[in-house]
Each structure stands twice: as structure tokens, then as C-alpha cells.
Amino acid sequence: MVGATTSRYLLAIGIIMSTTLEKPHPLRILGAMGTYLFGLELCGSLLTSL
């Protein structure tokens, strides 16, 4: 849960720090990848707990 929240913050910081959204910012990429990976992990843990 903490990883997903941290990823969302990194994504937001990466968007704010970008001069233009056409060029990828490393924090934006890291935040987006973390959001997907931690989201899949959270879904997997939910399914295994059922």
C-alpha cells in the first residue's frame, strides 16, 4: 500500500516538474510503472485472500 502511494506521488511530482508533457520525465515513468506494478500486486493479494 505504501509503495502504491509513493508511486502516485512520484507520478505527480514528475508531471509537475516536467517542462512539457511531450518529453518523458524519469519520475513520471517510474511513478507510472510503480502504479501499475503495485496495483497488480494489490489485486493479486486481494484474490488470494478470498
PDB file of N, CA and C in Angstrom:
ATOM      1  N   MET A   1       0.820  -1.188   0.000  1.00  0.00           N
ATOM      2  CA  MET A   1       0.000   0.000   0.000  1.00  0.00           C
ATOM      3  C   MET A   1       0.869   1.260   0.000  1.00  0.00           C
ATOM      4  N   VAL A   2       1.941   1.215   0.777  1.00  0.00           N
ATOM      5  CA  VAL A   2       2.844   2.370   0.836  1.00  0.00           C
ATOM      6  C   VAL A   2       3.534   2.562  -0.514  1.00  0.00           C
ATOM      7  N   GLY A   3       3.888   1.450  -1.168  1.00  0.00           N
ATOM      8  CA  GLY A   3       4.539   1.540  -2.473  1.00  0.00           C
ATOM      9  C   GLY A   3       3.634   2.165  -3.522  1.00  0.00           C
ATOM     10  N   ALA A   4       2.356   1.800  -3.495  1.00  0.00           N
ATOM     11  CA  ALA A   4       1.406   2.368  -4.454  1.00  0.00           C
ATOM     12  C   ALA A   4       1.231   3.866  -4.221  1.00  0.00           C
ATOM     13  N   THR A   5       1.160   4.258  -2.967  1.00  0.00           N
ATOM     14  CA  THR A   5       1.006   5.682  -2.645  1.00  0.00           C
ATOM     15  C   THR A   5       2.259   6.464  -3.037  1.00  0.00           C
ATOM     16  N   THR A   6       3.422   5.896  -2.772  1.00  0.00           N
ATOM     17  CA  THR A   6       4.676   6.546  -3.150  1.00  0.00           C
ATOM     18  C   THR A   6       4.771   6.699  -4.665  1.00  0.00           C
ATOM     19  N   SER A   7       4.341   5.673  -5.385  1.00  0.00           N
ATOM     20  CA  SER A   7       4.363   5.736  -6.845  1.00  0.00           C
ATOM     21  C   SER A   7       3.452   6.844  -7.365  1.00  0.00           C
ATOM     22  N   ARG A   8       2.302   6.989  -6.754  1.00  0.00           N
ATOM     23  CA  ARG A   8       1.388   8.057  -7.185  1.00  0.00           C
ATOM     24  C   ARG A   8       1.986   9.436  -6.934  1.00  0.00           C
ATOM     25  N   TYR A   9       2.679   9.589  -5.801  1.00  0.00           N
ATOM     26  CA  TYR A   9       3.345  10.858  -5.517  1.00  0.00           C
ATOM     27  C   TYR A   9       4.464  11.124  -6.518  1.00  0.00           C
ATOM     28  N   LEU A  10       5.245  10.085  -6.849  1.00  0.00           N
ATOM     29  CA  LEU A  10       6.311  10.250  -7.836  1.00  0.00           C
ATOM     30  C   LEU A  10       5.745  10.653  -9.187  1.00  0.00           C
ATOM     31  N   LEU A  11       4.630  10.059  -9.563  1.00  0.00           N
ATOM     32  CA  LEU A  11       3.982  10.407 -10.823  1.00  0.00           C
ATOM     33  C   LEU A  11       3.564  11.879 -10.823  1.00  0.00           C
ATOM     34  N   ALA A  12       2.954  12.310  -9.741  1.00  0.00           N
ATOM     35  CA  ALA A  12       2.511  13.707  -9.656  1.00  0.00           C
ATOM     36  C   ALA A  12       3.693  14.675  -9.671  1.00  0.00           C
ATOM     37  N   ILE A  13       4.751  14.342  -8.948  1.00  0.00           N
ATOM     38  CA  ILE A  13       5.938  15.207  -8.932  1.00  0.00           C
ATOM     39  C   ILE A  13       6.568  15.257 -10.315  1.00  0.00           C
ATOM     40  N   GLY A  14       6.605  14.111 -11.004  1.00  0.00           N
ATOM     41  CA  GLY A  14       7.158  14.077 -12.348  1.00  0.00           C
ATOM     42  C   GLY A  14       6.366  14.918 -13.323  1.00  0.00           C
ATOM     43  N   ILE A  15       5.058  14.952 -13.170  1.00  0.00           N
ATOM     44  CA  ILE A  15       4.222  15.779 -14.036  1.00  0.00           C
ATOM     45  C   ILE A  15       4.441  17.257 -13.739  1.00  0.00           C
ATOM     46  N   ILE A  16       4.542  17.595 -12.469  1.00  0.00           N
ATOM     47  CA  ILE A  16       4.737  18.993 -12.086  1.00  0.00           C
ATOM     48  C   ILE A  16       6.111  19.493 -12.517  1.00  0.00           C
ATOM     49  N   MET A  17       7.134  18.649 -12.415  1.00  0.00           N
ATOM     50  CA  MET A  17       8.496  19.063 -12.735  1.00  0.00           C
ATOM     51  C   MET A  17       8.779  19.097 -14.238  1.00  0.00           C
ATOM     52  N   SER A  18       7.940  18.474 -15.039  1.00  0.00           N
ATOM     53  CA  SER A  18       8.160  18.458 -16.488  1.00  0.00           C
ATOM     54  C   SER A  18       7.915  19.841 -17.069  1.00  0.00           C
ATOM     55  N   THR A  19       8.809  20.227 -17.956  1.00  0.00           N
ATOM     56  CA  THR A  19       8.584  21.497 -18.642  1.00  0.00           C
ATOM     57  C   THR A  19       7.499  21.341 -19.698  1.00  0.00           C
ATOM     58  N   THR A  20       7.467  20.170 -20.331  1.00  0.00           N
ATOM     59  CA  THR A  20       6.421  19.846 -21.292  1.00  0.00           C
ATOM     60  C   THR A  20       6.075  18.369 -21.136  1.00  0.00           C
ATOM     61  N   LEU A  21       4.844  18.023 -21.373  1.00  0.00           N
ATOM     62  CA  LEU A  21       4.436  16.637 -21.215  1.00  0.00           C
ATOM     63  C   LEU A  21       4.795  15.787 -22.428  1.00  0.00           C
ATOM     64  N   GLU A  22       5.341  16.407 -23.464  1.00  0.00           N
ATOM     65  CA  GLU A  22       5.761  15.647 -24.642  1.00  0.00           C
ATOM     66  C   GLU A  22       7.028  14.838 -24.367  1.00  0.00           C
ATOM     67  N   LYS A  23       7.905  15.373 -23.523  1.00  0.00           N
ATOM     68  CA  LYS A  23       9.139  14.672 -23.179  1.00  0.00           C
ATOM     69  C   LYS A  23       8.933  13.903 -21.875  1.00  0.00           C
ATOM     70  N   PRO A  24       9.303  12.628 -21.859  1.00  0.00           N
ATOM     71  CA  PRO A  24       9.121  11.846 -20.626  1.00  0.00           C
ATOM     72  C   PRO A  24      10.099  12.277 -19.533  1.00  0.00           C
ATOM     73  N   HIS A  25       9.601  12.405 -18.340  1.00  0.00           N
ATOM     74  CA  HIS A  25      10.425  12.726 -17.176  1.00  0.00           C
ATOM     75  C   HIS A  25      10.651  11.412 -16.419  1.00  0.00           C
ATOM     76  N   PRO A  26      11.866  11.165 -15.918  1.00  0.00           N
ATOM     77  CA  PRO A  26      12.139   9.892 -15.235  1.00  0.00           C
ATOM     78  C   PRO A  26      11.215   9.612 -14.048  1.00  0.00           C
ATOM     79  N   LEU A  27      10.874  10.625 -13.282  1.00  0.00           N
ATOM     80  CA  LEU A  27       9.974  10.395 -12.146  1.00  0.00           C
ATOM     81  C   LEU A  27       8.577  10.016 -12.610  1.00  0.00           C
ATOM     82  N   ARG A  28       8.172  10.584 -13.711  1.00  0.00           N
ATOM     83  CA  ARG A  28       6.847  10.264 -14.263  1.00  0.00           C
ATOM     84  C   ARG A  28       6.791   8.815 -14.740  1.00  0.00           C
ATOM     85  N   ILE A  29       7.851   8.375 -15.398  1.00  0.00           N
ATOM     86  CA  ILE A  29       7.916   6.993 -15.863  1.00  0.00           C
ATOM     87  C   ILE A  29       7.969   6.028 -14.676  1.00  0.00           C
ATOM     88  N   LEU A  30       8.808   6.332 -13.704  1.00  0.00           N
ATOM     89  CA  LEU A  30       8.932   5.476 -12.522  1.00  0.00           C
ATOM     90  C   LEU A  30       7.619   5.414 -11.751  1.00  0.00           C
ATOM     91  N   GLY A  31       6.958   6.546 -11.604  1.00  0.00           N
ATOM     92  CA  GLY A  31       5.677   6.575 -10.898  1.00  0.00           C
ATOM     93  C   GLY A  31       4.598   5.797 -11.620  1.00  0.00           C
ATOM     94  N   ALA A  32       4.567   5.898 -12.942  1.00  0.00           N
ATOM     95  CA  ALA A  32       3.558   5.172 -13.717  1.00  0.00           C
ATOM     96  C   ALA A  32       3.802   3.669 -13.647  1.00  0.00           C
ATOM     97  N   MET A  33       5.066   3.254 -13.791  1.00  0.00           N
ATOM     98  CA  MET A  33       5.370   1.822 -13.711  1.00  0.00           C
ATOM     99  C   MET A  33       5.071   1.277 -12.319  1.00  0.00           C
ATOM    100  N   GLY A  34       5.435   2.040 -11.304  1.00  0.00           N
ATOM    101  CA  GLY A  34       5.160   1.606  -9.934  1.00  0.00           C
ATOM    102  C   GLY A  34       3.677   1.501  -9.651  1.00  0.00           C
ATOM    103  N   THR A  35       2.899   2.431 -10.200  1.00  0.00           N
ATOM    104  CA  THR A  35       1.452   2.392 -10.003  1.00  0.00           C
ATOM    105  C   THR A  35       0.864   1.112 -10.575  1.00  0.00           C
ATOM    106  N   TYR A  36       1.279   0.758 -11.788  1.00  0.00           N
ATOM    107  CA  TYR A  36       0.771  -0.470 -12.403  1.00  0.00           C
ATOM    108  C   TYR A  36       1.232  -1.706 -11.647  1.00  0.00           C
ATOM    109  N   LEU A  37       2.523  -1.763 -11.301  1.00  0.00           N
ATOM    110  CA  LEU A  37       3.047  -2.956 -10.637  1.00  0.00           C
ATOM    111  C   LEU A  37       2.446  -3.151  -9.243  1.00  0.00           C
ATOM    112  N   PHE A  38       2.387  -2.090  -8.473  1.00  0.00           N
ATOM    113  CA  PHE A  38       1.811  -2.212  -7.134  1.00  0.00           C
ATOM    114  C   PHE A  38       0.307  -2.445  -7.199  1.00  0.00           C
ATOM    115  N   GLY A  39      -0.355  -1.889  -8.215  1.00  0.00           N
ATOM    116  CA  GLY A  39      -1.780  -2.150  -8.398  1.00  0.00           C
ATOM    117  C   GLY A  39      -2.048  -3.613  -8.695  1.00  0.00           C
ATOM    118  N   LEU A  40      -1.224  -4.208  -9.557  1.00  0.00           N
ATOM    119  CA  LEU A  40      -1.361  -5.637  -9.843  1.00  0.00           C
ATOM    120  C   LEU A  40      -1.082  -6.480  -8.603  1.00  0.00           C
ATOM    121  N   GLU A  41      -0.095  -6.059  -7.834  1.00  0.00           N
ATOM    122  CA  GLU A  41       0.222  -6.777  -6.600  1.00  0.00           C
ATOM    123  C   GLU A  41      -0.939  -6.700  -5.608  1.00  0.00           C
ATOM    124  N   LEU A  42      -1.544  -5.536  -5.484  1.00  0.00           N
ATOM    125  CA  LEU A  42      -2.680  -5.392  -4.580  1.00  0.00           C
ATOM    126  C   LEU A  42      -3.872  -6.240  -5.044  1.00  0.00           C
ATOM    127  N   CYS A  43      -4.097  -6.287  -6.358  1.00  0.00           N
ATOM    128  CA  CYS A  43      -5.180  -7.137  -6.884  1.00  0.00           C
ATOM    129  C   CYS A  43      -4.895  -8.608  -6.624  1.00  0.00           C
ATOM    130  N   GLY A  44      -3.648  -9.005  -6.803  1.00  0.00           N
ATOM    131  CA  GLY A  44      -3.273 -10.393  -6.551  1.00  0.00           C
ATOM    132  C   GLY A  44      -3.440 -10.773  -5.089  1.00  0.00           C
ATOM    133  N   SER A  45      -3.076  -9.880  -4.182  1.00  0.00           N
ATOM    134  CA  SER A  45      -3.243 -10.185  -2.765  1.00  0.00           C
ATOM    135  C   SER A  45      -4.713 -10.222  -2.366  1.00  0.00           C
ATOM    136  N   LEU A  46      -5.521  -9.415  -3.038  1.00  0.00           N
ATOM    137  CA  LEU A  46      -6.954  -9.455  -2.771  1.00  0.00           C
ATOM    138  C   LEU A  46      -7.539 -10.790  -3.222  1.00  0.00           C
ATOM    139  N   LEU A  47      -7.148 -11.239  -4.402  1.00  0.00           N
ATOM    140  CA  LEU A  47      -7.680 -12.507  -4.924  1.00  0.00           C
ATOM    141  C   LEU A  47      -7.235 -13.702  -4.103  1.00  0.00           C
ATOM    142  N   THR A  48      -6.008 -13.674  -3.591  1.00  0.00           N
ATOM    143  CA  THR A  48      -5.537 -14.795  -2.793  1.00  0.00           C
ATOM    144  C   THR A  48      -6.158 -14.801  -1.393  1.00  0.00           C
ATOM    145  N   SER A  49      -6.639 -13.670  -0.938  1.00  0.00           N
ATOM    146  CA  SER A  49      -7.233 -13.627   0.399  1.00  0.00           C
ATOM    147  C   SER A  49      -8.694 -14.067   0.391  1.00  0.00           C
ATOM    148  N   LEU A  50      -9.292 -14.175  -0.780  1.00  0.00           N
ATOM    149  CA  LEU A  50     -10.686 -14.595  -0.868  1.00  0.00           C
ATOM    150  C   LEU A  50     -10.769 -16.039  -0.655  1.00  0.00           C
TER     151      LEU A  50
END
